[in-house]
């Protein structure tokens, strides 16, 4: 009985040691604000700011996407906030 338990423990240890380590996923969240004469211009401006923040911390554009945006009408222009979600 003791031999079979030892053999079973060795098999479990061998399987555990040969398994690939889980890949760690790094994520990042960034936001930027911008203004423009039209809603799409304000969103584009805000996205550029958010992507600049992401790039400055080492993220690639291909690793980030716009998670959400919010546009507000001001007196003679629009303001927007864009949130980016990045993953690598």
C-alpha atoms as a PDB file:
ATOM      1  CA  UNK A   1       0.000   0.000   0.000  1.00  0.00           C
ATOM      2  CA  UNK A   2       2.814   2.373   0.884  1.00  0.00           C
ATOM      3  CA  UNK A   3       4.573   1.640  -2.439  1.00  0.00           C
ATOM      4  CA  UNK A   4       1.435   2.365  -4.455  1.00  0.00           C
ATOM      5  CA  UNK A   5       0.857   5.656  -2.606  1.00  0.00           C
ATOM      6  CA  UNK A   6       4.456   6.664  -3.243  1.00  0.00           C
ATOM      7  CA  UNK A   7       4.152   5.736  -6.920  1.00  0.00           C
ATOM      8  CA  UNK A   8       0.894   7.693  -7.204  1.00  0.00           C
ATOM      9  CA  UNK A   9       2.522  10.728  -5.563  1.00  0.00           C
ATOM     10  CA  UNK A  10       5.429  10.546  -8.014  1.00  0.00           C
ATOM     11  CA  UNK A  11       3.051  10.378 -10.981  1.00  0.00           C
ATOM     12  CA  UNK A  12       1.113  13.406  -9.717  1.00  0.00           C
ATOM     13  CA  UNK A  13       4.366  15.302  -9.147  1.00  0.00           C
ATOM     14  CA  UNK A  14       5.614  14.449 -12.639  1.00  0.00           C
ATOM     15  CA  UNK A  15       2.360  15.587 -14.241  1.00  0.00           C
ATOM     16  CA  UNK A  16       2.330  18.768 -12.183  1.00  0.00           C
ATOM     17  CA  UNK A  17       5.915  19.626 -13.063  1.00  0.00           C
ATOM     18  CA  UNK A  18       5.446  18.965 -16.775  1.00  0.00           C
ATOM     19  CA  UNK A  19       2.344  21.148 -17.094  1.00  0.00           C
ATOM     20  CA  UNK A  20       2.821  24.505 -18.809  1.00  0.00           C
ATOM     21  CA  UNK A  21       2.575  27.493 -16.495  1.00  0.00           C
ATOM     22  CA  UNK A  22      -0.562  29.573 -16.850  1.00  0.00           C
ATOM     23  CA  UNK A  23      -0.050  32.644 -18.987  1.00  0.00           C
ATOM     24  CA  UNK A  24      -0.416  35.873 -17.080  1.00  0.00           C
ATOM     25  CA  UNK A  25      -2.616  38.472 -18.738  1.00  0.00           C
ATOM     26  CA  UNK A  26      -1.818  42.110 -18.180  1.00  0.00           C
ATOM     27  CA  UNK A  27      -4.566  44.679 -18.596  1.00  0.00           C
ATOM     28  CA  UNK A  28      -4.700  48.437 -18.534  1.00  0.00           C
ATOM     29  CA  UNK A  29      -7.410  51.078 -18.484  1.00  0.00           C
ATOM     30  CA  UNK A  30      -6.897  54.606 -19.767  1.00  0.00           C
ATOM     31  CA  UNK A  31      -9.134  57.572 -20.392  1.00  0.00           C
ATOM     32  CA  UNK A  32      -8.781  60.835 -22.224  1.00  0.00           C
ATOM     33  CA  UNK A  33     -10.883  63.906 -22.816  1.00  0.00           C
ATOM     34  CA  UNK A  34     -11.218  66.083 -25.897  1.00  0.00           C
ATOM     35  CA  UNK A  35     -13.316  68.733 -27.566  1.00  0.00           C
ATOM     36  CA  UNK A  36     -14.512  69.406 -31.103  1.00  0.00           C
ATOM     37  CA  UNK A  37     -17.135  71.176 -33.199  1.00  0.00           C
ATOM     38  CA  UNK A  38     -18.971  67.875 -33.783  1.00  0.00           C
ATOM     39  CA  UNK A  39     -19.488  64.796 -31.573  1.00  0.00           C
ATOM     40  CA  UNK A  40     -17.245  62.602 -33.773  1.00  0.00           C
ATOM     41  CA  UNK A  41     -14.450  65.189 -33.619  1.00  0.00           C
ATOM     42  CA  UNK A  42     -14.654  65.321 -29.830  1.00  0.00           C
ATOM     43  CA  UNK A  43     -14.524  61.512 -29.598  1.00  0.00           C
ATOM     44  CA  UNK A  44     -11.539  61.337 -31.985  1.00  0.00           C
ATOM     45  CA  UNK A  45      -9.721  63.978 -29.967  1.00  0.00           C
ATOM     46  CA  UNK A  46     -10.390  62.175 -26.687  1.00  0.00           C
ATOM     47  CA  UNK A  47      -9.301  58.832 -28.163  1.00  0.00           C
ATOM     48  CA  UNK A  48      -6.003  60.340 -29.317  1.00  0.00           C
ATOM     49  CA  UNK A  49      -5.333  61.572 -25.782  1.00  0.00           C
ATOM     50  CA  UNK A  50      -6.167  58.180 -24.234  1.00  0.00           C
ATOM     51  CA  UNK A  51      -3.992  56.340 -26.773  1.00  0.00           C
ATOM     52  CA  UNK A  52      -1.120  58.731 -26.041  1.00  0.00           C
ATOM     53  CA  UNK A  53      -1.366  57.855 -22.352  1.00  0.00           C
ATOM     54  CA  UNK A  54      -1.412  54.137 -23.210  1.00  0.00           C
ATOM     55  CA  UNK A  55       1.578  54.418 -25.590  1.00  0.00           C
ATOM     56  CA  UNK A  56       3.562  56.346 -22.986  1.00  0.00           C
ATOM     57  CA  UNK A  57       3.279  53.370 -20.646  1.00  0.00           C
ATOM     58  CA  UNK A  58       4.320  50.809 -23.268  1.00  0.00           C
ATOM     59  CA  UNK A  59       1.042  49.649 -24.811  1.00  0.00           C
ATOM     60  CA  UNK A  60       0.642  49.162 -28.551  1.00  0.00           C
ATOM     61  CA  UNK A  61      -2.390  50.522 -30.401  1.00  0.00           C
ATOM     62  CA  UNK A  62      -3.267  46.984 -31.475  1.00  0.00           C
ATOM     63  CA  UNK A  63      -3.531  45.924 -27.809  1.00  0.00           C
ATOM     64  CA  UNK A  64      -6.138  48.560 -26.945  1.00  0.00           C
ATOM     65  CA  UNK A  65      -9.714  49.218 -27.957  1.00  0.00           C
ATOM     66  CA  UNK A  66     -12.333  51.796 -27.050  1.00  0.00           C
ATOM     67  CA  UNK A  67     -14.441  50.373 -24.263  1.00  0.00           C
ATOM     68  CA  UNK A  68     -16.835  53.308 -24.028  1.00  0.00           C
ATOM     69  CA  UNK A  69     -17.233  56.997 -24.729  1.00  0.00           C
ATOM     70  CA  UNK A  70     -19.372  59.841 -23.462  1.00  0.00           C
ATOM     71  CA  UNK A  71     -20.185  62.997 -25.434  1.00  0.00           C
ATOM     72  CA  UNK A  72     -21.668  66.156 -23.974  1.00  0.00           C
ATOM     73  CA  UNK A  73     -22.917  69.236 -25.748  1.00  0.00           C
ATOM     74  CA  UNK A  74     -21.467  72.540 -24.567  1.00  0.00           C
ATOM     75  CA  UNK A  75     -22.557  76.004 -25.701  1.00  0.00           C
ATOM     76  CA  UNK A  76     -20.700  76.047 -29.026  1.00  0.00           C
ATOM     77  CA  UNK A  77     -18.768  72.765 -29.052  1.00  0.00           C
ATOM     78  CA  UNK A  78     -18.833  69.151 -27.850  1.00  0.00           C
ATOM     79  CA  UNK A  79     -16.702  67.546 -25.158  1.00  0.00           C
ATOM     80  CA  UNK A  80     -16.021  63.829 -24.914  1.00  0.00           C
ATOM     81  CA  UNK A  81     -14.394  61.285 -22.659  1.00  0.00           C
ATOM     82  CA  UNK A  82     -13.104  57.994 -24.049  1.00  0.00           C
ATOM     83  CA  UNK A  83     -12.104  54.933 -22.017  1.00  0.00           C
ATOM     84  CA  UNK A  84      -9.613  52.451 -23.481  1.00  0.00           C
ATOM     85  CA  UNK A  85      -9.164  48.857 -22.373  1.00  0.00           C
ATOM     86  CA  UNK A  86      -5.782  47.274 -23.137  1.00  0.00           C
ATOM     87  CA  UNK A  87      -4.751  43.638 -22.834  1.00  0.00           C
ATOM     88  CA  UNK A  88      -1.527  41.709 -23.537  1.00  0.00           C
END
